[in-house]
Amino acid sequence: RLVLEALDPLQGGRKCFRMVGTVIVERTVSDVKPALTANLEQMKAAVKKLTESCKKQQLEADAFAAKHRLSSKQGAAQQAEEQEGADEGSSGVLI
C-alpha cells in the first residue's frame, strides 16, 4: 500500500526498480503499478480468509470446551481467587 501511494504522483514512463526474488529488475512505473495492485488484492483476500478460518476454529474450540466442561487457565485462576476471597470473609475468631 505504501509503495502504491509513493508511485501515484509519478509519471508512468519514469524508471523504477522492483525486486523479483533476489534480482532487482528495472521497470517503468506504468509496468509495476498493475502488478502491485494485484498483489495487494491477493494479500487482502488471504488475510480475510485466514481471519475467517481463525474465527471458525475459535468457535469450534469454544464448543469443545463447553461440551467437555473445560475452563481456561484464566478462568481457573479467577475461580481460585474467588474461593480464597470467600474463605477469608467467613473466617473469624471465637472467644
Protein backbone atom coordinates (compact mmCIF):
# COMPACT_ATOMS: atom_id res chain seq x y z
CA ARG A 1 0.00 0.00 0.00
CA LEU A 2 2.80 2.41 0.89
CA VAL A 3 4.64 1.69 -2.36
CA LEU A 4 1.49 2.28 -4.40
CA GLU A 5 0.93 5.59 -2.60
CA ALA A 6 4.53 6.58 -3.35
CA LEU A 7 4.15 5.70 -7.04
CA ASP A 8 0.83 7.52 -7.53
CA PRO A 9 2.21 11.02 -8.16
CA LEU A 10 4.95 9.77 -10.53
CA GLN A 11 4.71 9.74 -14.31
CA GLY A 12 4.11 6.37 -15.98
CA GLY A 13 7.32 6.43 -18.04
CA ARG A 14 9.61 7.03 -15.08
CA LYS A 15 12.08 4.29 -14.18
CA CYS A 16 11.67 2.28 -11.02
CA PHE A 17 13.29 -0.84 -9.66
CA ARG A 18 11.49 -3.91 -8.42
CA MET A 19 12.95 -6.87 -6.57
CA VAL A 20 11.83 -10.19 -8.02
CA GLY A 21 13.18 -12.97 -5.85
CA THR A 22 16.80 -11.97 -5.31
CA VAL A 23 17.17 -9.96 -8.52
CA ILE A 24 16.50 -6.24 -8.92
CA VAL A 25 14.73 -5.54 -12.21
CA GLU A 26 14.40 -2.16 -13.92
CA ARG A 27 10.84 -1.37 -14.98
CA THR A 28 8.64 1.64 -15.54
CA VAL A 29 6.05 2.89 -13.09
CA SER A 30 3.24 2.00 -15.51
CA ASP A 31 4.50 -1.62 -15.66
CA VAL A 32 4.82 -2.02 -11.89
CA LYS A 33 1.55 -0.44 -10.69
CA PRO A 34 -0.82 -3.15 -12.01
CA ALA A 35 1.32 -5.93 -10.56
CA LEU A 36 1.47 -4.22 -7.17
CA THR A 37 -2.28 -3.63 -7.18
CA ALA A 38 -2.90 -7.31 -7.95
CA ASN A 39 -0.51 -8.38 -5.17
CA LEU A 40 -2.26 -6.07 -2.70
CA GLU A 41 -5.68 -7.52 -3.55
CA GLN A 42 -4.36 -11.08 -3.18
CA MET A 43 -2.89 -10.23 0.23
CA LYS A 44 -6.18 -8.69 1.39
CA ALA A 45 -8.06 -11.81 0.26
CA ALA A 46 -5.56 -14.08 2.05
CA VAL A 47 -5.83 -12.08 5.29
CA LYS A 48 -9.63 -12.19 5.11
CA LYS A 49 -9.60 -15.95 4.53
CA LEU A 50 -7.19 -16.54 7.43
CA THR A 51 -9.27 -14.34 9.74
CA GLU A 52 -12.42 -16.30 8.90
CA SER A 53 -10.59 -19.59 9.43
CA CYS A 54 -9.28 -18.40 12.80
CA LYS A 55 -12.78 -17.36 13.92
CA LYS A 56 -14.18 -20.73 12.82
CA GLN A 57 -11.50 -22.63 14.75
CA GLN A 58 -12.09 -20.47 17.84
CA LEU A 59 -15.81 -21.27 17.73
CA GLU A 60 -15.02 -24.98 17.42
CA ALA A 61 -12.61 -24.78 20.37
CA ASP A 62 -15.19 -22.94 22.47
CA ALA A 63 -17.83 -25.54 21.63
CA PHE A 64 -15.42 -28.36 22.53
CA ALA A 65 -14.55 -26.68 25.84
CA ALA A 66 -18.22 -26.20 26.67
CA LYS A 67 -19.08 -29.79 25.73
CA HIS A 68 -16.33 -31.25 27.91
CA ARG A 69 -16.68 -28.65 30.68
CA LEU A 70 -13.16 -27.34 30.27
CA SER A 71 -12.07 -23.95 31.51
CA SER A 72 -9.12 -21.83 30.53
CA LYS A 73 -6.25 -21.13 32.90
CA GLN A 74 -7.53 -17.59 33.37
CA GLY A 75 -10.96 -18.87 34.33
CA ALA A 76 -9.46 -21.37 36.78
CA ALA A 77 -7.30 -18.65 38.35
CA GLN A 78 -10.32 -16.39 38.77
CA GLN A 79 -12.28 -19.19 40.42
CA ALA A 80 -9.39 -19.89 42.80
CA GLU A 81 -9.21 -16.20 43.74
CA GLU A 82 -12.95 -16.14 44.39
CA GLN A 83 -12.63 -19.22 46.63
CA GLU A 84 -9.81 -17.58 48.60
CA GLY A 85 -11.82 -14.38 48.95
CA ALA A 86 -14.84 -16.32 50.19
CA ASP A 87 -12.72 -18.21 52.74
CA GLU A 88 -11.19 -15.02 54.12
CA GLY A 89 -14.55 -13.31 54.56
CA SER A 90 -16.03 -16.18 56.56
CA SER A 91 -13.12 -16.67 58.96
CA GLY A 92 -13.49 -15.27 62.42
CA VAL A 93 -12.19 -15.56 65.93
CA LEU A 94 -14.18 -17.39 68.56
CA ILE A 95 -13.73 -16.43 72.18
